[in-house]
Amino acid sequence: MNTEIENLLYYYQEDGNEGYDLSEVQLLEIKDPDRIERLKDLLLHDNRYIGYQAMLILLAWAIPEGFEFLNRFINEKWDQQEEFEPHRIYGEDNVYDVMADALYISTFNGKNEEELYPYIQQLLHLYGSCFFESDLKNLLLKKEFSSLIQEIKQAMQEALQHHKYYQASQLFPVLVHYDKSNFNEYKEMFTSLINLDNRITYNIEESEKIKSLTK
């Protein structure tokens, strides 16, 4: 990777701080128009990983070309052709969860929840078969997506069908956040699965806390 590309993707300077970190670039308050144009050009780079990282910045900055590229990435199933975000512990590609975090950051740059619906729907459709750590869950908890509750329920069921028990339980707190009516049913189901993955306990406890705070 040459210096120009490295600076475009990673260099940040703001409030007296500077360094090289893509996540810090995503959070920059001042977006240089020239940098935006050059990031758009990087979307077409021969190295798909470079194009992908440019997309993460443009998504976070709420630039339309970033969202267009996200659709292309999903439609062309790039994740099935190479690995983009290998998880350091579980050895799975966390690429779609990282995209969810970029979508969350975009809400601080002018994107509202309604504009994000189509992209959240696409991620939920992938939830059962792909790996998600926690960023999509956090987005669904921190922003208002109650109108997608049926898609969230379906995503949870598909994760269960793929034996992703902990990942399915990540949506338990989300569903309780939007609708407490099925709390006991879900709690009983996930309690019965703890022996398969004890991390489920954390999501049960979080769901109980959310329920107690929204009486």
C-alpha atoms as a PDB file:
ATOM      1  CA  MET A   1       0.000   0.000   0.000  1.00  0.00           C
ATOM      2  CA  ASN A   2       1.483   3.341  -1.003  1.00  0.00           C
ATOM      3  CA  THR A   3       1.713   6.358   1.287  1.00  0.00           C
ATOM      4  CA  GLU A   4      -1.082   8.284  -0.440  1.00  0.00           C
ATOM      5  CA  ILE A   5      -3.601   5.475   0.056  1.00  0.00           C
ATOM      6  CA  GLU A   6      -2.404   4.909   3.599  1.00  0.00           C
ATOM      7  CA  ASN A   7      -2.972   8.586   4.416  1.00  0.00           C
ATOM      8  CA  LEU A   8      -6.426   8.569   2.819  1.00  0.00           C
ATOM      9  CA  LEU A   9      -7.612   5.562   4.803  1.00  0.00           C
ATOM     10  CA  TYR A  10      -5.883   5.960   8.129  1.00  0.00           C
ATOM     11  CA  TYR A  11      -4.489   9.420   8.811  1.00  0.00           C
ATOM     12  CA  TYR A  12      -6.459  11.637  11.178  1.00  0.00           C
ATOM     13  CA  GLN A  13      -5.733  15.013  12.728  1.00  0.00           C
ATOM     14  CA  GLU A  14      -8.273  16.746  14.943  1.00  0.00           C
ATOM     15  CA  ASP A  15      -8.410  18.518  18.311  1.00  0.00           C
ATOM     16  CA  GLY A  16      -4.647  18.305  18.671  1.00  0.00           C
ATOM     17  CA  ASN A  17      -4.594  14.547  18.157  1.00  0.00           C
ATOM     18  CA  GLU A  18      -3.172  12.783  15.153  1.00  0.00           C
ATOM     19  CA  GLY A  19      -2.201   9.307  14.093  1.00  0.00           C
ATOM     20  CA  TYR A  20      -3.167   6.431  11.836  1.00  0.00           C
ATOM     21  CA  ASP A  21      -6.387   4.580  12.575  1.00  0.00           C
ATOM     22  CA  LEU A  22      -9.347   3.980  10.262  1.00  0.00           C
ATOM     23  CA  SER A  23     -11.873   4.054  13.110  1.00  0.00           C
ATOM     24  CA  GLU A  24     -10.621   7.517  14.105  1.00  0.00           C
ATOM     25  CA  VAL A  25     -10.967   8.684  10.500  1.00  0.00           C
ATOM     26  CA  GLN A  26     -14.590   7.514  10.546  1.00  0.00           C
ATOM     27  CA  LEU A  27     -15.196   9.787  13.532  1.00  0.00           C
ATOM     28  CA  LEU A  28     -13.661  12.961  12.078  1.00  0.00           C
ATOM     29  CA  GLU A  29     -16.007  15.916  12.384  1.00  0.00           C
ATOM     30  CA  ILE A  30     -14.430  17.895   9.550  1.00  0.00           C
ATOM     31  CA  LYS A  31     -14.485  16.062   6.218  1.00  0.00           C
ATOM     32  CA  ASP A  32     -12.135  17.373   3.554  1.00  0.00           C
ATOM     33  CA  PRO A  33     -14.066  17.449   0.219  1.00  0.00           C
ATOM     34  CA  ASP A  34     -10.929  16.517  -1.714  1.00  0.00           C
ATOM     35  CA  ARG A  35     -10.378  13.523   0.542  1.00  0.00           C
ATOM     36  CA  ILE A  36     -13.966  12.426  -0.044  1.00  0.00           C
ATOM     37  CA  GLU A  37     -13.446  12.482  -3.817  1.00  0.00           C
ATOM     38  CA  ARG A  38     -10.233  10.491  -3.539  1.00  0.00           C
ATOM     39  CA  LEU A  39     -11.929   7.953  -1.260  1.00  0.00           C
ATOM     40  CA  LYS A  40     -14.634   7.551  -3.894  1.00  0.00           C
ATOM     41  CA  ASP A  41     -11.900   6.754  -6.408  1.00  0.00           C
ATOM     42  CA  LEU A  42     -10.528   4.098  -4.037  1.00  0.00           C
ATOM     43  CA  LEU A  43     -13.835   2.241  -4.222  1.00  0.00           C
ATOM     44  CA  LEU A  44     -12.719   1.150  -7.696  1.00  0.00           C
ATOM     45  CA  HIS A  45      -9.278  -0.031  -6.586  1.00  0.00           C
ATOM     46  CA  ASP A  46      -8.100  -3.429  -7.837  1.00  0.00           C
ATOM     47  CA  ASN A  47      -7.499  -4.466  -4.236  1.00  0.00           C
ATOM     48  CA  ARG A  48     -10.957  -5.184  -2.868  1.00  0.00           C
ATOM     49  CA  TYR A  49      -9.856  -4.704   0.712  1.00  0.00           C
ATOM     50  CA  ILE A  50      -8.795  -1.142  -0.045  1.00  0.00           C
ATOM     51  CA  GLY A  51     -12.165  -0.468  -1.712  1.00  0.00           C
ATOM     52  CA  TYR A  52     -13.929  -1.997   1.272  1.00  0.00           C
ATOM     53  CA  GLN A  53     -12.077   0.207   3.749  1.00  0.00           C
ATOM     54  CA  ALA A  54     -12.834   3.309   1.681  1.00  0.00           C
ATOM     55  CA  MET A  55     -16.492   2.259   1.845  1.00  0.00           C
ATOM     56  CA  LEU A  56     -16.377   2.074   5.659  1.00  0.00           C
ATOM     57  CA  ILE A  57     -15.251   5.695   5.828  1.00  0.00           C
ATOM     58  CA  LEU A  58     -17.753   6.933   3.251  1.00  0.00           C
ATOM     59  CA  LEU A  59     -20.548   5.056   5.026  1.00  0.00           C
ATOM     60  CA  ALA A  60     -19.639   6.612   8.361  1.00  0.00           C
ATOM     61  CA  TRP A  61     -19.492  10.049   6.740  1.00  0.00           C
ATOM     62  CA  ALA A  62     -22.940   9.450   5.175  1.00  0.00           C
ATOM     63  CA  ILE A  63     -21.636   9.813   1.615  1.00  0.00           C
ATOM     64  CA  PRO A  64     -24.064   8.219  -0.923  1.00  0.00           C
ATOM     65  CA  GLU A  65     -21.359   6.326  -2.810  1.00  0.00           C
ATOM     66  CA  GLY A  66     -20.547   4.420   0.368  1.00  0.00           C
ATOM     67  CA  PHE A  67     -24.099   3.071   0.554  1.00  0.00           C
ATOM     68  CA  GLU A  68     -24.090   2.182  -3.127  1.00  0.00           C
ATOM     69  CA  PHE A  69     -20.889   0.221  -2.581  1.00  0.00           C
ATOM     70  CA  LEU A  70     -22.398  -1.573   0.415  1.00  0.00           C
ATOM     71  CA  ASN A  71     -25.231  -2.803  -1.810  1.00  0.00           C
ATOM     72  CA  ARG A  72     -22.714  -3.984  -4.390  1.00  0.00           C
ATOM     73  CA  PHE A  73     -20.661  -5.792  -1.729  1.00  0.00           C
ATOM     74  CA  ILE A  74     -23.729  -7.670  -0.482  1.00  0.00           C
ATOM     75  CA  ASN A  75     -25.258  -8.381  -3.885  1.00  0.00           C
ATOM     76  CA  GLU A  76     -22.003  -9.706  -5.301  1.00  0.00           C
ATOM     77  CA  LYS A  77     -21.292 -11.673  -2.089  1.00  0.00           C
ATOM     78  CA  TRP A  78     -17.736 -10.459  -1.725  1.00  0.00           C
ATOM     79  CA  ASP A  79     -17.558 -12.075   1.715  1.00  0.00           C
ATOM     80  CA  GLN A  80     -17.759 -15.491   0.052  1.00  0.00           C
ATOM     81  CA  GLN A  81     -14.780 -14.710  -2.157  1.00  0.00           C
ATOM     82  CA  GLU A  82     -12.303 -13.444   0.461  1.00  0.00           C
ATOM     83  CA  GLU A  83     -12.044 -12.546   4.129  1.00  0.00           C
ATOM     84  CA  PHE A  84     -12.235  -8.895   5.197  1.00  0.00           C
ATOM     85  CA  GLU A  85     -12.563  -8.789   8.993  1.00  0.00           C
ATOM     86  CA  PRO A  86     -11.194 -12.033  10.507  1.00  0.00           C
ATOM     87  CA  HIS A  87     -12.191 -12.195  14.159  1.00  0.00           C
ATOM     88  CA  ARG A  88      -9.157 -12.536  16.405  1.00  0.00           C
ATOM     89  CA  ILE A  89     -10.845 -15.106  18.669  1.00  0.00           C
ATOM     90  CA  TYR A  90     -13.539 -16.950  16.729  1.00  0.00           C
ATOM     91  CA  GLY A  91     -11.847 -17.117  13.331  1.00  0.00           C
ATOM     92  CA  GLU A  92     -14.949 -15.928  11.461  1.00  0.00           C
ATOM     93  CA  ASP A  93     -15.376 -12.929   9.190  1.00  0.00           C
ATOM     94  CA  ASN A  94     -17.014 -10.109  11.135  1.00  0.00           C
ATOM     95  CA  VAL A  95     -17.355  -7.932   8.048  1.00  0.00           C
ATOM     96  CA  TYR A  96     -21.094  -7.285   8.182  1.00  0.00           C
ATOM     97  CA  ASP A  97     -20.983  -6.351  11.854  1.00  0.00           C
ATOM     98  CA  VAL A  98     -18.247  -3.807  11.095  1.00  0.00           C
ATOM     99  CA  MET A  99     -20.522  -2.389   8.402  1.00  0.00           C
ATOM    100  CA  ALA A 100     -23.279  -2.065  11.015  1.00  0.00           C
ATOM    101  CA  ASP A 101     -20.966   0.065  13.135  1.00  0.00           C
ATOM    102  CA  ALA A 102     -20.252   2.326  10.160  1.00  0.00           C
ATOM    103  CA  LEU A 103     -24.007   2.700   9.637  1.00  0.00           C
ATOM    104  CA  TYR A 104     -24.370   3.679  13.284  1.00  0.00           C
ATOM    105  CA  ILE A 105     -21.702   6.387  12.925  1.00  0.00           C
ATOM    106  CA  SER A 106     -23.540   7.703   9.857  1.00  0.00           C
ATOM    107  CA  THR A 107     -26.443   8.715  12.105  1.00  0.00           C
ATOM    108  CA  PHE A 108     -24.188  11.356  13.621  1.00  0.00           C
ATOM    109  CA  ASN A 109     -23.531  12.723  10.137  1.00  0.00           C
ATOM    110  CA  GLY A 110     -27.103  13.265   8.999  1.00  0.00           C
ATOM    111  CA  LYS A 111     -28.511   9.797   8.275  1.00  0.00           C
ATOM    112  CA  ASN A 112     -31.787   9.021  10.037  1.00  0.00           C
ATOM    113  CA  GLU A 113     -33.151   5.606  10.955  1.00  0.00           C
ATOM    114  CA  GLU A 114     -35.660   5.519   8.128  1.00  0.00           C
ATOM    115  CA  GLU A 115     -32.905   6.020   5.551  1.00  0.00           C
ATOM    116  CA  LEU A 116     -31.005   3.096   7.058  1.00  0.00           C
ATOM    117  CA  TYR A 117     -33.922   0.632   6.969  1.00  0.00           C
ATOM    118  CA  PRO A 118     -32.979  -1.001   3.620  1.00  0.00           C
ATOM    119  CA  TYR A 119     -29.405  -1.618   4.785  1.00  0.00           C
ATOM    120  CA  ILE A 120     -30.429  -2.912   8.212  1.00  0.00           C
ATOM    121  CA  GLN A 121     -32.909  -5.243   6.523  1.00  0.00           C
ATOM    122  CA  GLN A 122     -30.146  -6.645   4.342  1.00  0.00           C
ATOM    123  CA  LEU A 123     -27.941  -7.260   7.376  1.00  0.00           C
ATOM    124  CA  LEU A 124     -30.797  -8.943   9.228  1.00  0.00           C
ATOM    125  CA  HIS A 125     -31.375 -11.229   6.238  1.00  0.00           C
ATOM    126  CA  LEU A 126     -27.724 -12.289   6.542  1.00  0.00           C
ATOM    127  CA  TYR A 127     -27.825 -12.672  10.312  1.00  0.00           C
ATOM    128  CA  GLY A 128     -28.647 -16.359  10.391  1.00  0.00           C
ATOM    129  CA  SER A 129     -25.868 -17.492   8.099  1.00  0.00           C
ATOM    130  CA  CYS A 130     -23.102 -14.922   8.695  1.00  0.00           C
ATOM    131  CA  PHE A 131     -21.109 -13.984  11.785  1.00  0.00           C
ATOM    132  CA  PHE A 132     -22.088 -10.936  13.828  1.00  0.00           C
ATOM    133  CA  GLU A 133     -20.362 -10.063  17.076  1.00  0.00           C
ATOM    134  CA  SER A 134     -22.326  -7.210  18.638  1.00  0.00           C
ATOM    135  CA  ASP A 135     -22.314  -4.017  16.539  1.00  0.00           C
ATOM    136  CA  LEU A 136     -25.602  -4.738  14.767  1.00  0.00           C
ATOM    137  CA  LYS A 137     -27.167  -5.515  18.134  1.00  0.00           C
ATOM    138  CA  ASN A 138     -25.884  -2.208  19.526  1.00  0.00           C
ATOM    139  CA  LEU A 139     -27.224  -0.280  16.542  1.00  0.00           C
ATOM    140  CA  LEU A 140     -30.661  -1.828  16.981  1.00  0.00           C
ATOM    141  CA  LEU A 141     -30.621  -0.954  20.684  1.00  0.00           C
ATOM    142  CA  LYS A 142     -29.332   2.604  20.359  1.00  0.00           C
ATOM    143  CA  LYS A 143     -31.503   3.724  17.453  1.00  0.00           C
ATOM    144  CA  GLU A 144     -35.213   3.310  16.662  1.00  0.00           C
ATOM    145  CA  PHE A 145     -35.929   0.302  14.442  1.00  0.00           C
ATOM    146  CA  SER A 146     -39.110  -1.055  16.041  1.00  0.00           C
ATOM    147  CA  SER A 147     -40.820  -1.218  12.645  1.00  0.00           C
ATOM    148  CA  LEU A 148     -38.322  -3.966  11.733  1.00  0.00           C
ATOM    149  CA  ILE A 149     -39.355  -6.193  14.621  1.00  0.00           C
ATOM    150  CA  GLN A 150     -40.597  -8.981  12.338  1.00  0.00           C
ATOM    151  CA  GLU A 151     -37.273  -9.018  10.483  1.00  0.00           C
ATOM    152  CA  ILE A 152     -35.463  -9.099  13.842  1.00  0.00           C
ATOM    153  CA  LYS A 153     -37.548 -12.070  14.986  1.00  0.00           C
ATOM    154  CA  GLN A 154     -36.893 -13.860  11.704  1.00  0.00           C
ATOM    155  CA  ALA A 155     -33.163 -13.187  11.999  1.00  0.00           C
ATOM    156  CA  MET A 156     -33.161 -14.703  15.476  1.00  0.00           C
ATOM    157  CA  GLN A 157     -35.000 -17.814  14.281  1.00  0.00           C
ATOM    158  CA  GLU A 158     -32.627 -18.275  11.342  1.00  0.00           C
ATOM    159  CA  ALA A 159     -29.610 -17.973  13.654  1.00  0.00           C
ATOM    160  CA  LEU A 160     -31.129 -20.711  15.821  1.00  0.00           C
ATOM    161  CA  GLN A 161     -31.660 -22.891  12.764  1.00  0.00           C
ATOM    162  CA  HIS A 162     -27.969 -22.469  11.916  1.00  0.00           C
ATOM    163  CA  HIS A 163     -27.060 -23.459  15.505  1.00  0.00           C
ATOM    164  CA  LYS A 164     -25.750 -19.963  16.235  1.00  0.00           C
ATOM    165  CA  TYR A 165     -27.295 -19.990  19.689  1.00  0.00           C
ATOM    166  CA  TYR A 166     -25.318 -17.160  21.257  1.00  0.00           C
ATOM    167  CA  GLN A 167     -25.712 -14.993  18.164  1.00  0.00           C
ATOM    168  CA  ALA A 168     -29.467 -15.625  18.243  1.00  0.00           C
ATOM    169  CA  SER A 169     -29.548 -14.613  21.914  1.00  0.00           C
ATOM    170  CA  GLN A 170     -27.910 -11.285  21.008  1.00  0.00           C
ATOM    171  CA  LEU A 171     -31.285 -10.256  19.587  1.00  0.00           C
ATOM    172  CA  PHE A 172     -33.171 -11.167  22.767  1.00  0.00           C
ATOM    173  CA  PRO A 173     -32.374  -7.802  24.449  1.00  0.00           C
ATOM    174  CA  VAL A 174     -33.311  -6.022  21.220  1.00  0.00           C
ATOM    175  CA  LEU A 175     -36.724  -7.673  21.074  1.00  0.00           C
ATOM    176  CA  VAL A 176     -37.365  -6.913  24.755  1.00  0.00           C
ATOM    177  CA  HIS A 177     -36.361  -3.312  24.102  1.00  0.00           C
ATOM    178  CA  TYR A 178     -39.113  -3.041  21.483  1.00  0.00           C
ATOM    179  CA  ASP A 179     -41.730  -5.438  22.842  1.00  0.00           C
ATOM    180  CA  LYS A 180     -41.793  -7.149  26.264  1.00  0.00           C
ATOM    181  CA  SER A 181     -44.792  -9.383  25.516  1.00  0.00           C
ATOM    182  CA  ASN A 182     -42.710 -12.450  24.585  1.00  0.00           C
ATOM    183  CA  PHE A 183     -40.101 -12.028  27.309  1.00  0.00           C
ATOM    184  CA  ASN A 184     -40.967 -15.196  29.259  1.00  0.00           C
ATOM    185  CA  GLU A 185     -41.154 -17.337  26.134  1.00  0.00           C
ATOM    186  CA  TYR A 186     -37.728 -16.189  24.916  1.00  0.00           C
ATOM    187  CA  LYS A 187     -36.181 -16.401  28.368  1.00  0.00           C
ATOM    188  CA  GLU A 188     -37.309 -20.003  28.751  1.00  0.00           C
ATOM    189  CA  MET A 189     -35.995 -20.900  25.306  1.00  0.00           C
ATOM    190  CA  PHE A 190     -32.579 -19.319  25.780  1.00  0.00           C
ATOM    191  CA  THR A 191     -32.216 -20.630  29.321  1.00  0.00           C
ATOM    192  CA  SER A 192     -32.584 -24.130  27.893  1.00  0.00           C
ATOM    193  CA  LEU A 193     -29.681 -23.402  25.509  1.00  0.00           C
ATOM    194  CA  ILE A 194     -27.165 -22.172  28.088  1.00  0.00           C
ATOM    195  CA  ASN A 195     -25.622 -25.623  28.298  1.00  0.00           C
ATOM    196  CA  LEU A 196     -24.690 -25.267  24.602  1.00  0.00           C
ATOM    197  CA  ASP A 197     -23.100 -21.825  25.022  1.00  0.00           C
ATOM    198  CA  ASN A 198     -22.879 -20.236  28.446  1.00  0.00           C
ATOM    199  CA  ARG A 199     -22.369 -16.769  26.931  1.00  0.00           C
ATOM    200  CA  ILE A 200     -26.140 -16.747  26.433  1.00  0.00           C
ATOM    201  CA  THR A 201     -26.374 -15.907  30.137  1.00  0.00           C
ATOM    202  CA  TYR A 202     -25.138 -12.373  29.456  1.00  0.00           C
ATOM    203  CA  ASN A 203     -27.935 -11.679  26.996  1.00  0.00           C
ATOM    204  CA  ILE A 204     -30.560 -13.119  29.328  1.00  0.00           C
ATOM    205  CA  GLU A 205     -29.311 -10.858  32.112  1.00  0.00           C
ATOM    206  CA  GLU A 206     -29.262  -7.846  29.798  1.00  0.00           C
ATOM    207  CA  SER A 207     -32.816  -8.625  28.677  1.00  0.00           C
ATOM    208  CA  GLU A 208     -33.970  -8.817  32.290  1.00  0.00           C
ATOM    209  CA  LYS A 209     -32.372  -5.445  33.002  1.00  0.00           C
ATOM    210  CA  ILE A 210     -34.023  -3.852  29.953  1.00  0.00           C
ATOM    211  CA  LYS A 211     -37.382  -5.301  30.972  1.00  0.00           C
ATOM    212  CA  SER A 212     -37.057  -3.920  34.492  1.00  0.00           C
ATOM    213  CA  LEU A 213     -36.207  -0.452  33.176  1.00  0.00           C
ATOM    214  CA  THR A 214     -39.163  -0.263  30.787  1.00  0.00           C
ATOM    215  CA  LYS A 215     -42.050  -1.326  33.013  1.00  0.00           C
END
